[in-house]
Amino acid sequence: MRIIAEQPDHAAGIEDLLDLAFGADRAVKTVYRLRAGVSPVEDLCFVAVQGDAVEGTIRYWPVTIAGRAPALLLGPIAVAEHRRSEGLGGVLIRFSLNRAWALGHRIVLLVGDAPYYQRFGFSRSRTLGLTLPGPVDLDRFLGLELMPGALDGVVGAVEPHRPSVGTPPGVRLDFLPGTGGRLIFADCRP
């Protein structure tokens, strides 16, 4: 089993895993509102493969809190049914969180099973001042500080990363490939 960067030829295997894990109607969930029209963070999308078979997948998405604090949204993560008792999900989470930390990310959010994600440091207490753009079981809305204190005093709505909102003409805010999903400010004015 190898963990490698997600590639376009993994798309069908990933979709099959996600359908099996979450159902074909998964796109109606609140977290999908944060992913709509936004590309995942390329440097944090991984698959676990055995030969040509995709056995696991994990992705992260760029979001902002109150339009000013950049964060990552973890998910979805899915593992093939015959691999679920082998700890592969935990391996994917640890591997990707270590990568996110190494790339300088500070905050990771998710909606998931608290008893499972607590072992990786996620906590409901980190998201008490945050809101999501739709209904969610708040006990499942969890956060992790990759840098201690990153969520101190941070309150507000979690929003999809929209680089054009609130930026002056000629200035682009973007999560660029190859930068680890860090927010890049590019002044494009003449």
Protein backbone atom coordinates (compact mmCIF):
# COMPACT_ATOMS: atom_id res chain seq x y z
CA MET A 1 0.00 0.00 0.00
CA ARG A 2 1.29 3.43 -0.97
CA ILE A 3 0.02 6.91 -0.12
CA ILE A 4 0.51 9.21 -3.07
CA ALA A 5 -0.76 12.54 -4.37
CA GLU A 6 -4.17 12.30 -5.99
CA GLN A 7 -4.01 12.27 -9.80
CA PRO A 8 -6.76 12.76 -12.42
CA ASP A 9 -6.79 9.03 -13.22
CA HIS A 10 -7.85 8.34 -9.60
CA ALA A 11 -11.14 10.24 -10.04
CA ALA A 12 -13.39 7.24 -10.78
CA GLY A 13 -11.96 5.21 -7.89
CA ILE A 14 -12.37 8.15 -5.51
CA GLU A 15 -15.99 8.74 -6.55
CA ASP A 16 -16.76 5.03 -6.07
CA LEU A 17 -15.30 5.10 -2.55
CA LEU A 18 -17.22 8.27 -1.66
CA ASP A 19 -20.49 6.86 -3.00
CA LEU A 20 -20.04 3.70 -0.94
CA ALA A 21 -19.04 5.59 2.21
CA PHE A 22 -21.48 8.51 2.09
CA GLY A 23 -24.09 7.69 -0.55
CA ALA A 24 -24.69 9.20 -3.95
CA ASP A 25 -26.72 12.02 -2.34
CA ARG A 26 -23.79 13.24 -0.24
CA ALA A 27 -23.64 16.58 -2.10
CA VAL A 28 -26.71 17.84 -0.20
CA LYS A 29 -24.74 17.96 3.07
CA THR A 30 -23.79 21.36 4.48
CA VAL A 31 -20.04 20.85 4.00
CA TYR A 32 -20.60 20.55 0.26
CA ARG A 33 -21.78 24.18 0.26
CA LEU A 34 -18.23 25.05 1.32
CA ARG A 35 -16.76 22.98 -1.54
CA ALA A 36 -19.07 24.16 -4.33
CA GLY A 37 -17.16 25.95 -7.06
CA VAL A 38 -13.87 25.65 -5.19
CA SER A 39 -10.96 23.36 -6.00
CA PRO A 40 -9.47 21.24 -3.22
CA VAL A 41 -5.99 22.11 -1.95
CA GLU A 42 -3.89 20.20 -4.46
CA ASP A 43 -0.96 19.61 -2.11
CA LEU A 44 -3.25 17.96 0.45
CA CYS A 45 -5.23 15.52 -1.68
CA PHE A 46 -3.96 11.97 -1.25
CA VAL A 47 -4.97 8.45 -2.15
CA ALA A 48 -3.91 5.12 -0.72
CA VAL A 49 -3.35 2.70 -3.58
CA GLN A 50 -2.69 -1.01 -3.85
CA GLY A 51 -1.58 -1.64 -7.42
CA ASP A 52 -4.08 0.35 -9.50
CA ALA A 53 -6.89 0.17 -6.91
CA VAL A 54 -7.77 3.26 -4.87
CA GLU A 55 -8.21 1.94 -1.32
CA GLY A 56 -8.51 5.29 0.47
CA THR A 57 -8.84 9.00 -0.20
CA ILE A 58 -8.54 12.26 1.73
CA ARG A 59 -8.99 15.85 0.58
CA TYR A 60 -8.81 19.32 2.09
CA TRP A 61 -10.58 22.46 0.91
CA PRO A 62 -9.71 26.13 1.44
CA VAL A 63 -12.19 28.05 3.59
CA THR A 64 -12.14 31.30 5.48
CA ILE A 65 -13.59 32.19 8.85
CA ALA A 66 -15.46 35.50 8.93
CA GLY A 67 -13.84 36.34 5.59
CA ARG A 68 -10.42 36.87 7.15
CA ALA A 69 -8.93 33.77 8.81
CA PRO A 70 -7.77 31.12 6.32
CA ALA A 71 -8.45 27.52 7.31
CA LEU A 72 -8.69 24.05 5.84
CA LEU A 73 -11.81 21.90 5.69
CA LEU A 74 -10.86 18.23 6.00
CA GLY A 75 -12.96 15.82 4.03
CA PRO A 76 -14.15 13.80 2.63
CA ILE A 77 -12.07 10.88 3.78
CA ALA A 78 -13.11 7.40 2.71
CA VAL A 79 -11.59 3.93 2.91
CA ALA A 80 -12.56 0.81 1.00
CA GLU A 81 -14.84 -1.38 3.09
CA HIS A 82 -12.40 -4.30 3.20
CA ARG A 83 -9.70 -1.95 4.59
CA ARG A 84 -11.72 -0.20 7.30
CA SER A 85 -10.41 -2.20 10.24
CA GLU A 86 -6.76 -1.81 9.23
CA GLY A 87 -6.23 1.77 10.44
CA LEU A 88 -5.83 3.19 6.93
CA GLY A 89 -8.09 6.16 7.70
CA GLY A 90 -5.87 7.11 10.64
CA VAL A 91 -2.76 6.79 8.50
CA LEU A 92 -4.26 9.11 5.86
CA ILE A 93 -5.29 11.65 8.51
CA ARG A 94 -1.91 11.70 10.29
CA PHE A 95 0.00 11.81 7.00
CA SER A 96 -2.06 14.70 5.62
CA LEU A 97 -2.15 16.69 8.88
CA ASN A 98 1.63 16.45 9.12
CA ARG A 99 1.86 17.69 5.54
CA ALA A 100 -0.57 20.56 6.26
CA TRP A 101 1.50 21.57 9.29
CA ALA A 102 4.75 21.40 7.28
CA LEU A 103 3.17 23.65 4.64
CA GLY A 104 2.33 26.28 7.26
CA HIS A 105 -1.41 25.81 7.65
CA ARG A 106 -2.76 26.82 11.05
CA ILE A 107 -6.41 25.70 11.31
CA VAL A 108 -8.27 22.55 10.23
CA LEU A 109 -12.04 22.14 10.53
CA LEU A 110 -14.30 19.16 9.84
CA VAL A 111 -17.72 17.70 10.42
CA GLY A 112 -17.36 14.15 11.68
CA ASP A 113 -17.53 11.64 14.50
CA ALA A 114 -15.98 13.31 17.56
CA PRO A 115 -14.87 10.09 19.32
CA TYR A 116 -12.94 9.10 16.18
CA TYR A 117 -11.34 12.48 15.41
CA GLN A 118 -10.42 13.35 19.02
CA ARG A 119 -7.47 10.95 18.79
CA PHE A 120 -5.97 13.33 16.20
CA GLY A 121 -6.52 16.39 18.41
CA PHE A 122 -9.83 17.64 17.01
CA SER A 123 -12.23 19.18 19.50
CA ARG A 124 -15.68 20.75 19.55
CA SER A 125 -14.34 23.42 21.92
CA ARG A 126 -12.27 24.88 19.06
CA THR A 127 -15.37 25.64 16.96
CA LEU A 128 -17.74 27.08 19.58
CA GLY A 129 -17.57 30.59 18.07
CA LEU A 130 -17.94 29.38 14.48
CA THR A 131 -20.97 28.75 12.29
CA LEU A 132 -21.53 26.76 9.11
CA PRO A 133 -23.73 27.74 6.12
CA GLY A 134 -26.45 25.21 6.87
CA PRO A 135 -27.73 22.63 9.31
CA VAL A 136 -25.25 20.35 11.03
CA ASP A 137 -25.09 18.41 14.29
CA LEU A 138 -22.89 20.84 16.23
CA ASP A 139 -21.37 18.02 18.29
CA ARG A 140 -19.79 16.86 15.00
CA PHE A 141 -18.35 20.30 14.07
CA LEU A 142 -14.72 20.01 15.19
CA GLY A 143 -11.52 22.02 14.92
CA LEU A 144 -7.80 21.53 15.28
CA GLU A 145 -5.08 24.13 15.73
CA LEU A 146 -1.94 23.12 13.86
CA MET A 147 -0.38 26.19 15.45
CA PRO A 148 -1.31 26.66 19.11
CA GLY A 149 -3.60 29.64 19.59
CA ALA A 150 -4.56 29.88 15.90
CA LEU A 151 -8.27 29.89 16.80
CA ASP A 152 -7.98 32.18 19.83
CA GLY A 153 -10.53 34.95 19.40
CA VAL A 154 -11.61 33.71 15.97
CA VAL A 155 -15.39 33.84 15.61
CA GLY A 156 -17.81 33.98 12.72
CA ALA A 157 -19.10 32.14 9.71
CA VAL A 158 -17.05 29.54 7.90
CA GLU A 159 -17.27 30.42 4.22
CA PRO A 160 -16.00 28.99 0.96
CA HIS A 161 -12.78 30.58 -0.16
CA ARG A 162 -13.87 33.20 -2.69
CA PRO A 163 -10.79 35.10 -3.88
CA SER A 164 -12.69 37.82 -5.70
CA VAL A 165 -14.91 38.86 -2.77
CA GLY A 166 -13.76 42.13 -1.22
CA THR A 167 -10.58 42.48 -3.25
CA PRO A 168 -9.78 45.67 -5.13
CA PRO A 169 -9.69 45.53 -8.93
CA GLY A 170 -6.39 44.14 -10.15
CA VAL A 171 -5.59 42.34 -6.89
CA ARG A 172 -6.02 38.58 -6.78
CA LEU A 173 -6.20 36.41 -3.68
CA ASP A 174 -5.70 32.76 -4.47
CA PHE A 175 -4.67 29.37 -3.17
CA LEU A 176 -2.11 28.49 -5.83
CA PRO A 177 -0.98 24.96 -6.73
CA GLY A 178 2.45 24.14 -5.41
CA THR A 179 2.21 26.55 -2.47
CA GLY A 180 0.69 24.06 -0.09
CA GLY A 181 -2.66 25.81 -0.25
CA ARG A 182 -1.36 28.94 1.44
CA LEU A 183 -3.14 32.17 0.64
CA ILE A 184 -1.16 34.14 -1.94
CA PHE A 185 -1.65 37.85 -2.57
CA ALA A 186 -0.83 38.84 -6.12
CA ASP A 187 -0.97 42.50 -7.12
CA CYS A 188 -1.87 42.41 -10.81
CA ARG A 189 -2.39 46.16 -11.25
CA PRO A 190 -0.29 47.93 -13.90
